[in-house]
Amino acid sequence: MPGTTLLRCTGSLEPLPTILATSALLVCGAVQGSGWQMVKSNELPADTLIVLQRGACEHRCAVYKVIIFADGTAIFDGRHYVRQPTVIRTSIGLDSLGKLLEKAAVVRFFEMKERYAPDASNGCDSVKSDAPTAIVSVSSGSRSKTIVHYIGCAGRESEELSQFEEEIDRAVNTVRWVK
């Protein structure tokens, strides 16, 4: 998922999706007879951004926001029921960020509903009361999506979304700042 497939032909580089790259490779090889070389880039799109915001509940749930930027810089903004309400700058490896984007693809994040909540058939098979809400946003390349997720929702997609949110927490190691 992370990275871009590039085609190298007579010294020029043109970013193309994999399917187009494969088609262009066949056409260029047939027409020019020179054959293009496919090169895989490990760079993430410069607009990559992952945001996880965890909300309050009646039982002292930690309230904080985590923002991860394309260069691996991460911001933890602790508000309530954290060790110390503060803003902390840290970083994660680009491989960890790439794995988060891969996980988003595996759970089909961009195809999920925009809301998983107890109201009006929004992806909840059943509901547990007094759970917090998480808001998770992922932007990368030309895709961007925000999902509001009531953690008390039960159902396959809701559980996959919870696992993705936990992966974000693990990547930044938020447990060190949460009570």
N, C-alpha and C. Protein backbone atom coordinates (compact mmCIF):
# COMPACT_ATOMS: atom_id res chain seq x y z
N MET A 1 0.81 -1.20 0.00
CA MET A 1 0.00 0.00 0.00
C MET A 1 0.85 1.25 0.00
N PRO A 2 1.76 1.45 1.00
CA PRO A 2 2.53 2.67 0.92
C PRO A 2 3.47 2.62 -0.26
N GLY A 3 3.81 3.78 -0.74
CA GLY A 3 4.72 3.85 -1.87
C GLY A 3 3.95 4.03 -3.16
N THR A 4 4.68 4.35 -4.17
CA THR A 4 4.11 4.60 -5.48
C THR A 4 4.88 3.77 -6.48
N THR A 5 4.18 3.21 -7.45
CA THR A 5 4.87 2.51 -8.51
C THR A 5 5.29 3.55 -9.55
N LEU A 6 6.56 3.58 -9.86
CA LEU A 6 7.08 4.54 -10.83
C LEU A 6 7.54 3.80 -12.06
N LEU A 7 7.41 4.44 -13.19
CA LEU A 7 7.93 3.88 -14.44
C LEU A 7 9.13 4.70 -14.86
N ARG A 8 10.18 4.04 -15.26
CA ARG A 8 11.37 4.73 -15.71
C ARG A 8 11.54 4.41 -17.19
N CYS A 9 11.43 5.43 -18.01
CA CYS A 9 11.58 5.26 -19.45
C CYS A 9 12.30 6.48 -20.00
N THR A 10 13.39 6.27 -20.65
CA THR A 10 14.23 7.33 -21.21
C THR A 10 14.45 8.46 -20.20
N GLY A 11 14.70 8.10 -18.95
CA GLY A 11 15.10 9.06 -17.94
C GLY A 11 13.96 9.79 -17.24
N SER A 12 12.72 9.59 -17.63
CA SER A 12 11.63 10.31 -16.97
C SER A 12 10.95 9.42 -15.95
N LEU A 13 10.41 10.03 -14.91
CA LEU A 13 9.66 9.31 -13.89
C LEU A 13 8.23 9.81 -13.90
N GLU A 14 7.30 8.88 -13.96
CA GLU A 14 5.89 9.25 -13.97
C GLU A 14 5.16 8.39 -12.96
N PRO A 15 4.64 8.97 -11.84
CA PRO A 15 3.88 8.17 -10.88
C PRO A 15 2.57 7.69 -11.50
N LEU A 16 2.30 6.40 -11.40
CA LEU A 16 1.07 5.83 -11.93
C LEU A 16 0.56 4.77 -10.98
N PRO A 17 -0.77 4.58 -10.89
CA PRO A 17 -1.28 3.45 -10.14
C PRO A 17 -0.77 2.15 -10.76
N THR A 18 -0.73 1.09 -9.96
CA THR A 18 -0.14 -0.18 -10.40
C THR A 18 -0.78 -0.71 -11.68
N ILE A 19 -2.11 -0.67 -11.80
CA ILE A 19 -2.78 -1.20 -12.99
C ILE A 19 -2.37 -0.39 -14.22
N LEU A 20 -2.37 0.94 -14.10
CA LEU A 20 -1.94 1.77 -15.23
C LEU A 20 -0.47 1.54 -15.53
N ALA A 21 0.33 1.37 -14.50
CA ALA A 21 1.76 1.14 -14.71
C ALA A 21 1.99 -0.14 -15.50
N THR A 22 1.25 -1.19 -15.16
CA THR A 22 1.39 -2.46 -15.87
C THR A 22 0.97 -2.30 -17.32
N SER A 23 -0.15 -1.60 -17.56
CA SER A 23 -0.61 -1.38 -18.94
C SER A 23 0.40 -0.55 -19.72
N ALA A 24 0.92 0.51 -19.10
CA ALA A 24 1.89 1.36 -19.78
C ALA A 24 3.16 0.58 -20.09
N LEU A 25 3.55 -0.31 -19.20
CA LEU A 25 4.74 -1.13 -19.43
C LEU A 25 4.56 -1.97 -20.69
N LEU A 26 3.38 -2.58 -20.83
CA LEU A 26 3.12 -3.40 -22.01
C LEU A 26 3.09 -2.56 -23.28
N VAL A 27 2.42 -1.40 -23.23
CA VAL A 27 2.31 -0.54 -24.41
C VAL A 27 3.67 0.01 -24.80
N CYS A 28 4.42 0.52 -23.82
CA CYS A 28 5.73 1.11 -24.12
C CYS A 28 6.67 0.05 -24.70
N GLY A 29 6.66 -1.15 -24.13
CA GLY A 29 7.53 -2.22 -24.63
C GLY A 29 7.18 -2.60 -26.04
N ALA A 30 5.88 -2.61 -26.36
CA ALA A 30 5.45 -3.00 -27.70
C ALA A 30 5.74 -1.90 -28.71
N VAL A 31 5.50 -0.64 -28.32
CA VAL A 31 5.63 0.46 -29.26
C VAL A 31 7.09 0.88 -29.43
N GLN A 32 7.78 1.12 -28.31
CA GLN A 32 9.13 1.63 -28.41
C GLN A 32 10.18 0.52 -28.48
N GLY A 33 9.80 -0.67 -28.05
CA GLY A 33 10.76 -1.76 -28.06
C GLY A 33 11.85 -1.62 -27.03
N SER A 34 11.79 -0.57 -26.21
CA SER A 34 12.85 -0.34 -25.24
C SER A 34 12.54 -0.96 -23.88
N GLY A 35 11.28 -1.22 -23.58
CA GLY A 35 10.89 -1.77 -22.28
C GLY A 35 11.14 -0.80 -21.15
N TRP A 36 10.17 -0.63 -20.30
CA TRP A 36 10.31 0.26 -19.15
C TRP A 36 10.66 -0.58 -17.95
N GLN A 37 11.21 0.05 -16.97
CA GLN A 37 11.58 -0.62 -15.73
C GLN A 37 10.65 -0.14 -14.63
N MET A 38 10.00 -1.07 -13.90
CA MET A 38 9.16 -0.68 -12.79
C MET A 38 10.02 -0.54 -11.55
N VAL A 39 9.81 0.55 -10.82
CA VAL A 39 10.56 0.82 -9.60
C VAL A 39 9.55 1.08 -8.50
N LYS A 40 9.75 0.47 -7.33
CA LYS A 40 8.85 0.65 -6.20
C LYS A 40 9.44 1.68 -5.24
N SER A 41 8.69 2.72 -4.93
CA SER A 41 9.15 3.76 -4.02
C SER A 41 8.59 3.49 -2.63
N ASN A 42 9.39 3.67 -1.59
CA ASN A 42 8.93 3.47 -0.21
C ASN A 42 8.40 4.75 0.41
N GLU A 43 8.38 5.82 -0.34
CA GLU A 43 7.90 7.08 0.21
C GLU A 43 6.38 7.08 0.32
N LEU A 44 5.91 7.64 1.42
CA LEU A 44 4.47 7.80 1.62
C LEU A 44 4.04 9.11 1.00
N PRO A 45 2.78 9.21 0.57
CA PRO A 45 2.31 10.49 0.05
C PRO A 45 2.51 11.59 1.08
N ALA A 46 2.92 12.76 0.63
CA ALA A 46 3.24 13.87 1.53
C ALA A 46 2.03 14.34 2.33
N ASP A 47 0.82 14.05 1.85
CA ASP A 47 -0.39 14.49 2.55
C ASP A 47 -0.91 13.43 3.53
N THR A 48 -0.15 12.39 3.79
CA THR A 48 -0.58 11.34 4.71
C THR A 48 -0.78 11.92 6.10
N LEU A 49 -1.92 11.61 6.70
CA LEU A 49 -2.27 12.10 8.03
C LEU A 49 -3.24 11.11 8.66
N ILE A 50 -2.95 10.70 9.89
CA ILE A 50 -3.86 9.83 10.63
C ILE A 50 -4.16 10.53 11.95
N VAL A 51 -5.44 10.64 12.28
CA VAL A 51 -5.87 11.30 13.52
C VAL A 51 -6.81 10.35 14.26
N LEU A 52 -6.53 10.16 15.55
CA LEU A 52 -7.41 9.39 16.43
C LEU A 52 -7.76 10.27 17.61
N GLN A 53 -9.06 10.47 17.81
CA GLN A 53 -9.52 11.27 18.95
C GLN A 53 -10.42 10.39 19.80
N ARG A 54 -10.08 10.23 21.06
CA ARG A 54 -10.88 9.43 21.97
C ARG A 54 -11.65 10.34 22.91
N GLY A 55 -12.95 10.04 23.07
CA GLY A 55 -13.83 10.88 23.86
C GLY A 55 -14.13 10.31 25.23
N ALA A 56 -14.90 11.06 25.99
CA ALA A 56 -15.21 10.75 27.38
C ALA A 56 -16.30 9.69 27.52
N CYS A 57 -16.36 9.12 28.72
CA CYS A 57 -17.44 8.23 29.12
C CYS A 57 -17.70 8.49 30.61
N GLU A 58 -18.66 7.81 31.20
CA GLU A 58 -18.98 8.03 32.61
C GLU A 58 -17.96 7.42 33.57
N HIS A 59 -17.13 6.53 33.09
CA HIS A 59 -16.18 5.83 33.97
C HIS A 59 -14.74 6.29 33.77
N ARG A 60 -14.53 7.57 33.62
CA ARG A 60 -13.19 8.15 33.53
C ARG A 60 -12.35 7.60 32.38
N CYS A 61 -12.89 7.60 31.23
CA CYS A 61 -12.12 7.20 30.04
C CYS A 61 -11.16 8.32 29.67
N ALA A 62 -9.99 7.95 29.21
CA ALA A 62 -9.00 8.94 28.79
C ALA A 62 -9.53 9.71 27.57
N VAL A 63 -9.34 11.01 27.60
CA VAL A 63 -9.76 11.88 26.50
C VAL A 63 -8.49 12.48 25.91
N TYR A 64 -8.22 12.14 24.67
CA TYR A 64 -7.00 12.63 24.02
C TYR A 64 -7.12 12.55 22.51
N LYS A 65 -6.15 13.19 21.85
CA LYS A 65 -6.08 13.15 20.39
C LYS A 65 -4.65 12.80 20.01
N VAL A 66 -4.50 11.95 19.01
CA VAL A 66 -3.20 11.59 18.45
C VAL A 66 -3.22 11.97 16.98
N ILE A 67 -2.19 12.67 16.54
CA ILE A 67 -2.07 13.06 15.14
C ILE A 67 -0.73 12.53 14.63
N ILE A 68 -0.76 11.78 13.54
CA ILE A 68 0.46 11.24 12.94
C ILE A 68 0.60 11.84 11.54
N PHE A 69 1.75 12.45 11.29
CA PHE A 69 2.03 13.10 10.01
C PHE A 69 2.85 12.20 9.10
N ALA A 70 2.94 12.56 7.84
CA ALA A 70 3.60 11.75 6.81
C ALA A 70 5.07 11.49 7.10
N ASP A 71 5.73 12.37 7.84
CA ASP A 71 7.15 12.18 8.14
C ASP A 71 7.38 11.36 9.41
N GLY A 72 6.28 10.87 10.03
CA GLY A 72 6.38 10.06 11.24
C GLY A 72 6.25 10.87 12.52
N THR A 73 6.21 12.19 12.41
CA THR A 73 5.99 13.03 13.58
C THR A 73 4.61 12.73 14.14
N ALA A 74 4.52 12.62 15.46
CA ALA A 74 3.23 12.35 16.11
C ALA A 74 3.03 13.34 17.26
N ILE A 75 1.80 13.78 17.41
CA ILE A 75 1.43 14.69 18.49
C ILE A 75 0.40 13.98 19.36
N PHE A 76 0.64 13.95 20.67
CA PHE A 76 -0.32 13.45 21.64
C PHE A 76 -0.84 14.66 22.40
N ASP A 77 -2.16 14.88 22.35
CA ASP A 77 -2.79 16.00 23.05
C ASP A 77 -3.71 15.41 24.11
N GLY A 78 -3.19 15.26 25.34
CA GLY A 78 -3.96 14.67 26.44
C GLY A 78 -4.82 15.72 27.11
N ARG A 79 -6.11 15.41 27.30
CA ARG A 79 -7.04 16.38 27.88
C ARG A 79 -7.51 15.98 29.28
N HIS A 80 -8.13 14.82 29.41
CA HIS A 80 -8.71 14.40 30.69
C HIS A 80 -8.38 12.93 30.94
N TYR A 81 -8.21 12.60 32.22
CA TYR A 81 -7.93 11.22 32.65
C TYR A 81 -6.71 10.64 31.94
N VAL A 82 -5.71 11.51 31.81
CA VAL A 82 -4.40 11.10 31.32
C VAL A 82 -3.42 11.41 32.45
N ARG A 83 -2.19 10.91 32.35
CA ARG A 83 -1.21 11.14 33.42
C ARG A 83 -1.00 12.63 33.69
N GLN A 84 -0.88 13.41 32.63
CA GLN A 84 -0.75 14.86 32.76
C GLN A 84 -1.35 15.50 31.52
N PRO A 85 -2.36 16.36 31.69
CA PRO A 85 -2.94 17.03 30.52
C PRO A 85 -1.87 17.91 29.86
N THR A 86 -1.43 17.50 28.71
CA THR A 86 -0.36 18.22 28.03
C THR A 86 -0.30 17.82 26.56
N VAL A 87 0.50 18.55 25.81
CA VAL A 87 0.75 18.21 24.40
C VAL A 87 2.19 17.69 24.32
N ILE A 88 2.37 16.53 23.72
CA ILE A 88 3.68 15.90 23.60
C ILE A 88 3.96 15.60 22.14
N ARG A 89 5.16 15.94 21.72
CA ARG A 89 5.59 15.62 20.35
C ARG A 89 6.51 14.41 20.41
N THR A 90 6.26 13.45 19.55
CA THR A 90 7.07 12.24 19.48
C THR A 90 7.17 11.85 18.01
N SER A 91 7.63 10.64 17.74
CA SER A 91 7.65 10.18 16.36
C SER A 91 7.52 8.67 16.30
N ILE A 92 7.11 8.19 15.14
CA ILE A 92 7.05 6.76 14.88
C ILE A 92 7.84 6.50 13.60
N GLY A 93 8.25 5.27 13.41
CA GLY A 93 8.98 4.92 12.19
C GLY A 93 8.06 4.95 10.98
N LEU A 94 8.63 5.25 9.83
CA LEU A 94 7.83 5.25 8.60
C LEU A 94 7.30 3.87 8.28
N ASP A 95 8.01 2.81 8.72
CA ASP A 95 7.50 1.46 8.52
C ASP A 95 6.22 1.26 9.34
N SER A 96 6.18 1.81 10.56
CA SER A 96 4.96 1.72 11.39
C SER A 96 3.81 2.48 10.75
N LEU A 97 4.12 3.64 10.21
CA LEU A 97 3.08 4.43 9.52
C LEU A 97 2.58 3.68 8.29
N GLY A 98 3.49 3.07 7.55
CA GLY A 98 3.10 2.26 6.39
C GLY A 98 2.21 1.10 6.80
N LYS A 99 2.52 0.47 7.93
CA LYS A 99 1.69 -0.64 8.42
C LYS A 99 0.30 -0.16 8.81
N LEU A 100 0.20 1.04 9.37
CA LEU A 100 -1.12 1.59 9.69
C LEU A 100 -1.94 1.81 8.42
N LEU A 101 -1.30 2.30 7.37
CA LEU A 101 -2.01 2.50 6.10
C LEU A 101 -2.41 1.15 5.50
N GLU A 102 -1.55 0.15 5.64
CA GLU A 102 -1.89 -1.20 5.17
C GLU A 102 -3.08 -1.75 5.95
N LYS A 103 -3.09 -1.54 7.27
CA LYS A 103 -4.21 -2.00 8.10
C LYS A 103 -5.50 -1.30 7.68
N ALA A 104 -5.41 -0.01 7.37
CA ALA A 104 -6.60 0.73 6.89
C ALA A 104 -7.12 0.09 5.61
N ALA A 105 -6.22 -0.34 4.74
CA ALA A 105 -6.64 -0.99 3.49
C ALA A 105 -7.26 -2.36 3.78
N VAL A 106 -6.67 -3.11 4.71
CA VAL A 106 -7.17 -4.45 5.03
C VAL A 106 -8.60 -4.39 5.59
N VAL A 107 -8.85 -3.42 6.48
CA VAL A 107 -10.20 -3.32 7.06
C VAL A 107 -11.15 -2.54 6.16
N ARG A 108 -10.63 -2.11 5.00
CA ARG A 108 -11.44 -1.35 4.03
C ARG A 108 -11.98 -0.06 4.65
N PHE A 109 -11.10 0.65 5.32
CA PHE A 109 -11.46 1.88 6.04
C PHE A 109 -12.21 2.86 5.15
N PHE A 110 -11.74 3.07 3.93
CA PHE A 110 -12.34 4.08 3.05
C PHE A 110 -13.70 3.64 2.51
N GLU A 111 -14.04 2.37 2.66
CA GLU A 111 -15.36 1.88 2.24
C GLU A 111 -16.33 1.75 3.42
N MET A 112 -15.85 1.96 4.63
CA MET A 112 -16.71 1.82 5.81
C MET A 112 -17.72 2.96 5.87
N LYS A 113 -18.73 2.78 6.71
CA LYS A 113 -19.72 3.82 6.94
C LYS A 113 -19.04 5.00 7.62
N GLU A 114 -19.66 6.16 7.56
CA GLU A 114 -19.10 7.34 8.20
C GLU A 114 -19.40 7.38 9.68
N ARG A 115 -20.31 6.53 10.13
CA ARG A 115 -20.75 6.58 11.52
C ARG A 115 -21.16 5.19 11.99
N TYR A 116 -20.65 4.81 13.16
CA TYR A 116 -21.07 3.58 13.83
C TYR A 116 -21.58 4.01 15.19
N ALA A 117 -22.91 4.09 15.30
CA ALA A 117 -23.54 4.64 16.50
C ALA A 117 -24.83 3.89 16.77
N PRO A 118 -25.35 4.01 18.01
CA PRO A 118 -26.56 3.27 18.37
C PRO A 118 -27.81 3.68 17.61
N ASP A 119 -27.78 4.78 16.91
CA ASP A 119 -28.98 5.27 16.24
C ASP A 119 -29.11 4.73 14.81
N ALA A 120 -30.30 4.56 14.37
CA ALA A 120 -30.70 4.32 12.98
C ALA A 120 -29.74 3.49 12.12
N SER A 121 -29.64 2.23 12.41
CA SER A 121 -28.91 1.25 11.58
C SER A 121 -27.54 1.72 11.08
N ASN A 122 -26.72 2.13 11.99
CA ASN A 122 -25.40 2.61 11.63
C ASN A 122 -24.30 1.63 11.98
N GLY A 123 -24.47 0.39 11.64
CA GLY A 123 -23.40 -0.58 11.81
C GLY A 123 -23.31 -1.23 13.17
N CYS A 124 -24.29 -1.01 14.03
CA CYS A 124 -24.29 -1.64 15.35
C CYS A 124 -25.27 -2.81 15.36
N ASP A 125 -24.73 -4.02 15.56
CA ASP A 125 -25.61 -5.18 15.72
C ASP A 125 -26.26 -5.15 17.10
N SER A 126 -25.51 -4.71 18.10
CA SER A 126 -26.03 -4.49 19.45
C SER A 126 -25.19 -3.38 20.08
N VAL A 127 -25.67 -2.86 21.21
CA VAL A 127 -25.03 -1.69 21.81
C VAL A 127 -24.77 -1.91 23.29
N LYS A 128 -23.58 -1.55 23.74
CA LYS A 128 -23.22 -1.55 25.15
C LYS A 128 -23.26 -0.10 25.61
N SER A 129 -23.91 0.15 26.75
CA SER A 129 -24.04 1.54 27.19
C SER A 129 -22.75 2.04 27.85
N ASP A 130 -22.66 3.34 28.00
CA ASP A 130 -21.55 4.04 28.64
C ASP A 130 -20.19 3.73 28.04
N ALA A 131 -20.11 3.68 26.76
CA ALA A 131 -18.82 3.52 26.10
C ALA A 131 -18.42 4.87 25.49
N PRO A 132 -17.14 5.11 25.34
CA PRO A 132 -16.71 6.36 24.72
C PRO A 132 -16.88 6.32 23.20
N THR A 133 -16.70 7.46 22.60
CA THR A 133 -16.71 7.58 21.15
C THR A 133 -15.31 7.90 20.67
N ALA A 134 -14.91 7.29 19.58
CA ALA A 134 -13.64 7.61 18.94
C ALA A 134 -13.93 8.20 17.57
N ILE A 135 -13.14 9.15 17.18
CA ILE A 135 -13.22 9.71 15.83
C ILE A 135 -11.87 9.45 15.19
N VAL A 136 -11.88 8.75 14.08
CA VAL A 136 -10.64 8.42 13.40
C VAL A 136 -10.69 8.93 11.96
N SER A 137 -9.60 9.59 11.56
CA SER A 137 -9.49 10.14 10.21
C SER A 137 -8.20 9.63 9.57
N VAL A 138 -8.30 9.29 8.30
CA VAL A 138 -7.13 8.87 7.54
C VAL A 138 -7.16 9.62 6.22
N SER A 139 -6.04 10.25 5.90
CA SER A 139 -5.86 10.90 4.60
C SER A 139 -4.53 10.43 4.03
N SER A 140 -4.54 10.04 2.78
CA SER A 140 -3.30 9.63 2.12
C SER A 140 -3.54 9.61 0.62
N GLY A 141 -2.65 10.23 -0.10
CA GLY A 141 -2.86 10.32 -1.54
C GLY A 141 -4.08 11.16 -1.81
N SER A 142 -4.96 10.67 -2.63
CA SER A 142 -6.16 11.42 -2.96
C SER A 142 -7.36 10.98 -2.12
N ARG A 143 -7.14 10.13 -1.11
CA ARG A 143 -8.25 9.62 -0.31
C ARG A 143 -8.24 10.21 1.08
N SER A 144 -9.44 10.47 1.59
CA SER A 144 -9.59 11.00 2.93
C SER A 144 -10.94 10.57 3.48
N LYS A 145 -10.95 10.17 4.76
CA LYS A 145 -12.22 9.76 5.36
C LYS A 145 -12.14 9.94 6.87
N THR A 146 -13.26 10.33 7.47
CA THR A 146 -13.40 10.43 8.91
C THR A 146 -14.57 9.55 9.34
N ILE A 147 -14.37 8.78 10.40
CA ILE A 147 -15.43 7.90 10.91
C ILE A 147 -15.64 8.21 12.39
N VAL A 148 -16.90 8.39 12.76
CA VAL A 148 -17.29 8.55 14.16
C VAL A 148 -17.71 7.17 14.64
N HIS A 149 -17.07 6.69 15.72
CA HIS A 149 -17.25 5.31 16.16
C HIS A 149 -17.59 5.24 17.64
N TYR A 150 -18.83 4.88 17.94
CA TYR A 150 -19.23 4.62 19.32
C TYR A 150 -18.66 3.25 19.68
N ILE A 151 -17.73 3.21 20.62
CA ILE A 151 -17.01 1.98 20.96
C ILE A 151 -17.95 0.88 21.47
N GLY A 152 -19.12 1.26 21.97
CA GLY A 152 -20.07 0.28 22.48
C GLY A 152 -20.83 -0.47 21.41
N CYS A 153 -20.61 -0.17 20.16
CA CYS A 153 -21.27 -0.89 19.06
C CYS A 153 -20.63 -2.26 18.90
N ALA A 154 -21.46 -3.26 18.71
CA ALA A 154 -20.96 -4.61 18.42
C ALA A 154 -21.28 -4.92 16.96
N GLY A 155 -20.39 -5.60 16.32
CA GLY A 155 -20.55 -5.96 14.91
C GLY A 155 -19.18 -6.09 14.28
N ARG A 156 -19.09 -6.80 13.17
CA ARG A 156 -17.81 -7.09 12.54
C ARG A 156 -17.04 -5.82 12.18
N GLU A 157 -17.67 -4.90 11.47
CA GLU A 157 -16.97 -3.69 11.06
C GLU A 157 -16.57 -2.83 12.26
N SER A 158 -17.44 -2.75 13.25
CA SER A 158 -17.13 -1.99 14.46
C SER A 158 -15.92 -2.59 15.18
N GLU A 159 -15.86 -3.91 15.24
CA GLU A 159 -14.72 -4.58 15.88
C GLU A 159 -13.44 -4.35 15.09
N GLU A 160 -13.51 -4.41 13.77
CA GLU A 160 -12.33 -4.13 12.94
C GLU A 160 -11.86 -2.69 13.12
N LEU A 161 -12.80 -1.78 13.23
CA LEU A 161 -12.47 -0.37 13.45
C LEU A 161 -11.80 -0.20 14.82
N SER A 162 -12.31 -0.88 15.85
CA SER A 162 -11.69 -0.83 17.18
C SER A 162 -10.26 -1.35 17.13
N GLN A 163 -10.03 -2.43 16.40
CA GLN A 163 -8.68 -2.98 16.27
C GLN A 163 -7.75 -1.98 15.57
N PHE A 164 -8.25 -1.30 14.55
CA PHE A 164 -7.46 -0.29 13.85
C PHE A 164 -7.10 0.86 14.80
N GLU A 165 -8.08 1.31 15.58
CA GLU A 165 -7.83 2.37 16.56
C GLU A 165 -6.77 1.94 17.57
N GLU A 166 -6.83 0.70 18.01
CA GLU A 166 -5.83 0.18 18.95
C GLU A 166 -4.45 0.10 18.31
N GLU A 167 -4.40 -0.20 17.00
CA GLU A 167 -3.12 -0.22 16.28
C GLU A 167 -2.50 1.18 16.26
N ILE A 168 -3.33 2.20 16.08
CA ILE A 168 -2.84 3.57 16.09
C ILE A 168 -2.25 3.88 17.47
N ASP A 169 -3.00 3.51 18.53
CA ASP A 169 -2.50 3.72 19.89
C ASP A 169 -1.17 3.01 20.12
N ARG A 170 -1.06 1.76 19.65
CA ARG A 170 0.18 1.00 19.83
C ARG A 170 1.34 1.62 19.06
N ALA A 171 1.07 2.08 17.86
CA ALA A 171 2.13 2.67 17.03
C ALA A 171 2.76 3.88 17.73
N VAL A 172 1.94 4.69 18.39
CA VAL A 172 2.42 5.89 19.08
C VAL A 172 2.79 5.59 20.54
N ASN A 173 2.36 4.43 21.02
CA ASN A 173 2.60 4.01 22.41
C ASN A 173 1.92 4.98 23.39
N THR A 174 0.65 5.25 23.16
CA THR A 174 -0.09 6.20 23.99
C THR A 174 -0.24 5.72 25.44
N VAL A 175 -0.07 4.44 25.68
CA VAL A 175 -0.25 3.90 27.03
C VAL A 175 0.68 4.59 28.02
N ARG A 176 1.80 5.09 27.57
CA ARG A 176 2.74 5.77 28.48
C ARG A 176 2.21 7.10 29.01
N TRP A 177 1.16 7.67 28.37
CA TRP A 177 0.61 8.95 28.82
C TRP A 177 -0.81 8.83 29.36
N VAL A 178 -1.40 7.65 29.24
CA VAL A 178 -2.78 7.44 29.68
C VAL A 178 -2.75 6.75 31.04
N LYS A 179 -3.62 7.16 31.95
CA LYS A 179 -3.67 6.56 33.29
C LYS A 179 -4.00 5.09 33.24
